[in-house]
């Protein structure tokens, strides 16, 4: 399982992702999810594995 966390209007939100349900690449799936949830392509987010280790953040993509 993966956990995507993002900040919107000063609040932290998250969604858990089942690897079996990911369409396309993991990076594209996370970006699309965050964009759909927030409507803001510049949203700060991070993806973590099930042990809390950061896999990547929006800063890694810039």
PDB file of N, CA and C in Angstrom:
ATOM      1  N   UNK A   1       0.838  -1.178   0.000  1.00  0.00           N
ATOM      2  CA  UNK A   1       0.000   0.000   0.000  1.00  0.00           C
ATOM      3  C   UNK A   1       0.887   1.246   0.000  1.00  0.00           C
ATOM      4  N   UNK A   2       0.359   2.277  -0.595  1.00  0.00           N
ATOM      5  CA  UNK A   2       1.020   3.575  -0.616  1.00  0.00           C
ATOM      6  C   UNK A   2       0.111   4.593   0.066  1.00  0.00           C
ATOM      7  N   UNK A   3       0.707   5.666   0.538  1.00  0.00           N
ATOM      8  CA  UNK A   3      -0.063   6.759   1.134  1.00  0.00           C
ATOM      9  C   UNK A   3       0.378   8.056   0.459  1.00  0.00           C
ATOM     10  N   UNK A   4      -0.586   8.756  -0.107  1.00  0.00           N
ATOM     11  CA  UNK A   4      -0.332  10.065  -0.698  1.00  0.00           C
ATOM     12  C   UNK A   4      -0.886  11.105   0.264  1.00  0.00           C
ATOM     13  N   UNK A   5      -0.044  12.064   0.638  1.00  0.00           N
ATOM     14  CA  UNK A   5      -0.439  13.138   1.546  1.00  0.00           C
ATOM     15  C   UNK A   5      -0.246  14.463   0.838  1.00  0.00           C
ATOM     16  N   UNK A   6      -1.231  15.377   0.986  1.00  0.00           N
ATOM     17  CA  UNK A   6      -1.089  16.702   0.392  1.00  0.00           C
ATOM     18  C   UNK A   6      -1.659  17.746   1.335  1.00  0.00           C
ATOM     19  N   UNK A   7      -1.228  18.984   1.106  1.00  0.00           N
ATOM     20  CA  UNK A   7      -1.673  20.122   1.897  1.00  0.00           C
ATOM     21  C   UNK A   7      -2.586  20.980   1.028  1.00  0.00           C
ATOM     22  N   UNK A   8      -3.759  21.298   1.556  1.00  0.00           N
ATOM     23  CA  UNK A   8      -4.708  22.157   0.847  1.00  0.00           C
ATOM     24  C   UNK A   8      -5.349  23.089   1.859  1.00  0.00           C
ATOM     25  N   UNK A   9      -5.230  24.385   1.616  1.00  0.00           N
ATOM     26  CA  UNK A   9      -5.796  25.402   2.513  1.00  0.00           C
ATOM     27  C   UNK A   9      -5.333  25.209   3.957  1.00  0.00           C
ATOM     28  N   UNK A  10      -4.065  24.836   4.121  1.00  0.00           N
ATOM     29  CA  UNK A  10      -3.502  24.672   5.449  1.00  0.00           C
ATOM     30  C   UNK A  10      -3.866  23.375   6.142  1.00  0.00           C
ATOM     31  N   UNK A  11      -4.657  22.542   5.512  1.00  0.00           N
ATOM     32  CA  UNK A  11      -5.069  21.255   6.084  1.00  0.00           C
ATOM     33  C   UNK A  11      -4.341  20.117   5.374  1.00  0.00           C
ATOM     34  N   UNK A  12      -4.016  19.061   6.128  1.00  0.00           N
ATOM     35  CA  UNK A  12      -3.369  17.894   5.543  1.00  0.00           C
ATOM     36  C   UNK A  12      -4.422  16.842   5.211  1.00  0.00           C
ATOM     37  N   UNK A  13      -4.353  16.326   4.000  1.00  0.00           N
ATOM     38  CA  UNK A  13      -5.259  15.274   3.540  1.00  0.00           C
ATOM     39  C   UNK A  13      -4.427  14.093   3.073  1.00  0.00           C
ATOM     40  N   UNK A  14      -5.027  12.917   3.049  1.00  0.00           N
ATOM     41  CA  UNK A  14      -4.299  11.771   2.528  1.00  0.00           C
ATOM     42  C   UNK A  14      -5.264  10.777   1.887  1.00  0.00           C
ATOM     43  N   UNK A  15      -4.693   9.938   1.059  1.00  0.00           N
ATOM     44  CA  UNK A  15      -5.430   8.832   0.475  1.00  0.00           C
ATOM     45  C   UNK A  15      -4.490   7.643   0.394  1.00  0.00           C
ATOM     46  N   UNK A  16      -5.018   6.467   0.677  1.00  0.00           N
ATOM     47  CA  UNK A  16      -4.244   5.236   0.590  1.00  0.00           C
ATOM     48  C   UNK A  16      -4.456   4.627  -0.794  1.00  0.00           C
ATOM     49  N   UNK A  17      -3.363   4.207  -1.412  1.00  0.00           N
ATOM     50  CA  UNK A  17      -3.430   3.620  -2.752  1.00  0.00           C
ATOM     51  C   UNK A  17      -3.049   2.147  -2.697  1.00  0.00           C
ATOM     52  N   UNK A  18      -3.856   1.329  -3.305  1.00  0.00           N
ATOM     53  CA  UNK A  18      -3.552  -0.087  -3.462  1.00  0.00           C
ATOM     54  C   UNK A  18      -2.767  -0.221  -4.764  1.00  0.00           C
ATOM     55  N   UNK A  19      -1.556  -0.783  -4.724  1.00  0.00           N
ATOM     56  CA  UNK A  19      -0.756  -0.908  -5.948  1.00  0.00           C
ATOM     57  C   UNK A  19      -1.486  -1.623  -7.094  1.00  0.00           C
ATOM     58  N   UNK A  20      -2.419  -2.496  -6.766  1.00  0.00           N
ATOM     59  CA  UNK A  20      -3.168  -3.220  -7.784  1.00  0.00           C
ATOM     60  C   UNK A  20      -4.123  -2.318  -8.559  1.00  0.00           C
ATOM     61  N   UNK A  21      -4.467  -1.167  -7.975  1.00  0.00           N
ATOM     62  CA  UNK A  21      -5.444  -0.264  -8.590  1.00  0.00           C
ATOM     63  C   UNK A  21      -4.799   0.923  -9.308  1.00  0.00           C
ATOM     64  N   UNK A  22      -3.489   0.943  -9.378  1.00  0.00           N
ATOM     65  CA  UNK A  22      -2.794   2.066 -10.011  1.00  0.00           C
ATOM     66  C   UNK A  22      -2.810   1.883 -11.518  1.00  0.00           C
ATOM     67  N   UNK A  23      -3.229   2.938 -12.209  1.00  0.00           N
ATOM     68  CA  UNK A  23      -3.249   2.909 -13.661  1.00  0.00           C
ATOM     69  C   UNK A  23      -2.070   3.709 -14.190  1.00  0.00           C
ATOM     70  N   UNK A  24      -1.417   3.232 -15.216  1.00  0.00           N
ATOM     71  CA  UNK A  24      -0.252   3.924 -15.766  1.00  0.00           C
ATOM     72  C   UNK A  24       0.911   3.839 -14.794  1.00  0.00           C
ATOM     73  N   UNK A  25       1.776   4.841 -14.837  1.00  0.00           N
ATOM     74  CA  UNK A  25       2.914   4.849 -13.927  1.00  0.00           C
ATOM     75  C   UNK A  25       2.487   5.370 -12.555  1.00  0.00           C
ATOM     76  N   UNK A  26       3.240   5.007 -11.550  1.00  0.00           N
ATOM     77  CA  UNK A  26       2.941   5.451 -10.192  1.00  0.00           C
ATOM     78  C   UNK A  26       2.989   6.970 -10.098  1.00  0.00           C
ATOM     79  N   UNK A  27       3.995   7.576 -10.690  1.00  0.00           N
ATOM     80  CA  UNK A  27       4.132   9.033 -10.638  1.00  0.00           C
ATOM     81  C   UNK A  27       2.924   9.710 -11.278  1.00  0.00           C
ATOM     82  N   UNK A  28       2.552   9.270 -12.469  1.00  0.00           N
ATOM     83  CA  UNK A  28       1.409   9.877 -13.162  1.00  0.00           C
ATOM     84  C   UNK A  28       0.125   9.682 -12.362  1.00  0.00           C
ATOM     85  N   UNK A  29      -0.049   8.524 -11.781  1.00  0.00           N
ATOM     86  CA  UNK A  29      -1.258   8.243 -11.001  1.00  0.00           C
ATOM     87  C   UNK A  29      -1.357   9.194  -9.800  1.00  0.00           C
ATOM     88  N   UNK A  30      -0.247   9.376  -9.102  1.00  0.00           N
ATOM     89  CA  UNK A  30      -0.242  10.262  -7.926  1.00  0.00           C
ATOM     90  C   UNK A  30      -0.515  11.706  -8.345  1.00  0.00           C
ATOM     91  N   UNK A  31       0.142  12.176  -9.385  1.00  0.00           N
ATOM     92  CA  UNK A  31      -0.072  13.549  -9.848  1.00  0.00           C
ATOM     93  C   UNK A  31      -1.526  13.755 -10.245  1.00  0.00           C
ATOM     94  N   UNK A  32      -2.100  12.816 -10.986  1.00  0.00           N
ATOM     95  CA  UNK A  32      -3.506  12.927 -11.390  1.00  0.00           C
ATOM     96  C   UNK A  32      -4.435  12.928 -10.179  1.00  0.00           C
ATOM     97  N   UNK A  33      -4.167  12.079  -9.217  1.00  0.00           N
ATOM     98  CA  UNK A  33      -4.991  12.017  -8.011  1.00  0.00           C
ATOM     99  C   UNK A  33      -4.974  13.356  -7.277  1.00  0.00           C
ATOM    100  N   UNK A  34      -3.786  13.890  -7.033  1.00  0.00           N
ATOM    101  CA  UNK A  34      -3.672  15.146  -6.295  1.00  0.00           C
ATOM    102  C   UNK A  34      -4.327  16.281  -7.078  1.00  0.00           C
ATOM    103  N   UNK A  35      -4.111  16.333  -8.387  1.00  0.00           N
ATOM    104  CA  UNK A  35      -4.723  17.384  -9.208  1.00  0.00           C
ATOM    105  C   UNK A  35      -6.253  17.290  -9.193  1.00  0.00           C
ATOM    106  N   UNK A  36      -6.781  16.074  -9.253  1.00  0.00           N
ATOM    107  CA  UNK A  36      -8.240  15.899  -9.214  1.00  0.00           C
ATOM    108  C   UNK A  36      -8.807  16.325  -7.864  1.00  0.00           C
ATOM    109  N   UNK A  37      -8.103  15.989  -6.784  1.00  0.00           N
ATOM    110  CA  UNK A  37      -8.593  16.307  -5.440  1.00  0.00           C
ATOM    111  C   UNK A  37      -8.512  17.800  -5.137  1.00  0.00           C
ATOM    112  N   UNK A  38      -7.461  18.464  -5.616  1.00  0.00           N
ATOM    113  CA  UNK A  38      -7.233  19.851  -5.225  1.00  0.00           C
ATOM    114  C   UNK A  38      -7.568  20.863  -6.313  1.00  0.00           C
ATOM    115  N   UNK A  39      -7.459  20.456  -7.569  1.00  0.00           N
ATOM    116  CA  UNK A  39      -7.645  21.391  -8.671  1.00  0.00           C
ATOM    117  C   UNK A  39      -6.464  22.335  -8.844  1.00  0.00           C
ATOM    118  N   UNK A  40      -5.378  22.070  -8.142  1.00  0.00           N
ATOM    119  CA  UNK A  40      -4.201  22.939  -8.176  1.00  0.00           C
ATOM    120  C   UNK A  40      -2.964  22.110  -8.523  1.00  0.00           C
ATOM    121  N   UNK A  41      -2.388  22.322  -9.706  1.00  0.00           N
ATOM    122  CA  UNK A  41      -1.222  21.534 -10.106  1.00  0.00           C
ATOM    123  C   UNK A  41       0.035  21.834  -9.284  1.00  0.00           C
ATOM    124  N   UNK A  42       0.011  22.879  -8.475  1.00  0.00           N
ATOM    125  CA  UNK A  42       1.172  23.239  -7.661  1.00  0.00           C
ATOM    126  C   UNK A  42       1.050  22.785  -6.204  1.00  0.00           C
ATOM    127  N   UNK A  43       0.140  21.873  -5.936  1.00  0.00           N
ATOM    128  CA  UNK A  43      -0.087  21.388  -4.576  1.00  0.00           C
ATOM    129  C   UNK A  43       1.143  20.623  -4.063  1.00  0.00           C
ATOM    130  N   UNK A  44       1.500  20.885  -2.815  1.00  0.00           N
ATOM    131  CA  UNK A  44       2.590  20.176  -2.157  1.00  0.00           C
ATOM    132  C   UNK A  44       2.082  18.789  -1.762  1.00  0.00           C
ATOM    133  N   UNK A  45       2.833  17.735  -2.142  1.00  0.00           N
ATOM    134  CA  UNK A  45       2.431  16.384  -1.785  1.00  0.00           C
ATOM    135  C   UNK A  45       3.639  15.488  -1.609  1.00  0.00           C
ATOM    136  N   UNK A  46       3.392  14.321  -1.008  1.00  0.00           N
ATOM    137  CA  UNK A  46       4.434  13.302  -0.919  1.00  0.00           C
ATOM    138  C   UNK A  46       3.793  11.924  -1.004  1.00  0.00           C
ATOM    139  N   UNK A  47       4.563  10.980  -1.486  1.00  0.00           N
ATOM    140  CA  UNK A  47       4.133   9.584  -1.565  1.00  0.00           C
ATOM    141  C   UNK A  47       5.017   8.777  -0.635  1.00  0.00           C
ATOM    142  N   UNK A  48       4.378   7.971   0.210  1.00  0.00           N
ATOM    143  CA  UNK A  48       5.112   7.135   1.156  1.00  0.00           C
ATOM    144  C   UNK A  48       4.730   5.672   0.960  1.00  0.00           C
ATOM    145  N   UNK A  49       5.661   4.786   1.322  1.00  0.00           N
ATOM    146  CA  UNK A  49       5.332   3.363   1.316  1.00  0.00           C
ATOM    147  C   UNK A  49       4.618   3.023   2.619  1.00  0.00           C
ATOM    148  N   UNK A  50       4.276   1.747   2.791  1.00  0.00           N
ATOM    149  CA  UNK A  50       3.493   1.351   3.967  1.00  0.00           C
ATOM    150  C   UNK A  50       4.271   1.426   5.273  1.00  0.00           C
ATOM    151  N   UNK A  51       5.583   1.686   5.197  1.00  0.00           N
ATOM    152  CA  UNK A  51       6.392   1.838   6.400  1.00  0.00           C
ATOM    153  C   UNK A  51       6.679   3.304   6.722  1.00  0.00           C
ATOM    154  N   UNK A  52       6.089   4.227   5.938  1.00  0.00           N
ATOM    155  CA  UNK A  52       6.271   5.641   6.188  1.00  0.00           C
ATOM    156  C   UNK A  52       7.494   6.254   5.541  1.00  0.00           C
ATOM    157  N   UNK A  53       8.180   5.493   4.678  1.00  0.00           N
ATOM    158  CA  UNK A  53       9.345   6.009   3.968  1.00  0.00           C
ATOM    159  C   UNK A  53       8.896   6.806   2.752  1.00  0.00           C
ATOM    160  N   UNK A  54       9.420   8.003   2.584  1.00  0.00           N
ATOM    161  CA  UNK A  54       9.052   8.830   1.446  1.00  0.00           C
ATOM    162  C   UNK A  54       9.649   8.243   0.173  1.00  0.00           C
ATOM    163  N   UNK A  55       8.790   8.038  -0.828  1.00  0.00           N
ATOM    164  CA  UNK A  55       9.226   7.548  -2.133  1.00  0.00           C
ATOM    165  C   UNK A  55       9.570   8.731  -3.026  1.00  0.00           C
ATOM    166  N   UNK A  56       8.669   9.711  -3.086  1.00  0.00           N
ATOM    167  CA  UNK A  56       8.956  10.952  -3.786  1.00  0.00           C
ATOM    168  C   UNK A  56       7.995  12.038  -3.347  1.00  0.00           C
ATOM    169  N   UNK A  57       8.398  13.297  -3.621  1.00  0.00           N
ATOM    170  CA  UNK A  57       7.569  14.465  -3.341  1.00  0.00           C
ATOM    171  C   UNK A  57       7.463  15.282  -4.615  1.00  0.00           C
ATOM    172  N   UNK A  58       6.637  16.319  -4.585  1.00  0.00           N
ATOM    173  CA  UNK A  58       6.513  17.179  -5.765  1.00  0.00           C
ATOM    174  C   UNK A  58       7.840  17.866  -6.072  1.00  0.00           C
ATOM    175  N   UNK A  59       8.674  18.096  -5.049  1.00  0.00           N
ATOM    176  CA  UNK A  59       9.973  18.723  -5.275  1.00  0.00           C
ATOM    177  C   UNK A  59      10.896  17.826  -6.099  1.00  0.00           C
ATOM    178  N   UNK A  60      10.766  16.509  -5.933  1.00  0.00           N
ATOM    179  CA  UNK A  60      11.584  15.572  -6.712  1.00  0.00           C
ATOM    180  C   UNK A  60      11.255  15.631  -8.198  1.00  0.00           C
ATOM    181  N   UNK A  61      10.062  16.082  -8.520  1.00  0.00           N
ATOM    182  CA  UNK A  61       9.612  16.107  -9.907  1.00  0.00           C
ATOM    183  C   UNK A  61       9.973  17.402 -10.616  1.00  0.00           C
ATOM    184  N   UNK A  62      10.433  18.388  -9.880  1.00  0.00           N
ATOM    185  CA  UNK A  62      10.782  19.686 -10.481  1.00  0.00           C
ATOM    186  C   UNK A  62      12.231  19.745 -10.884  1.00  0.00           C
TER     187      UNK A  62
END
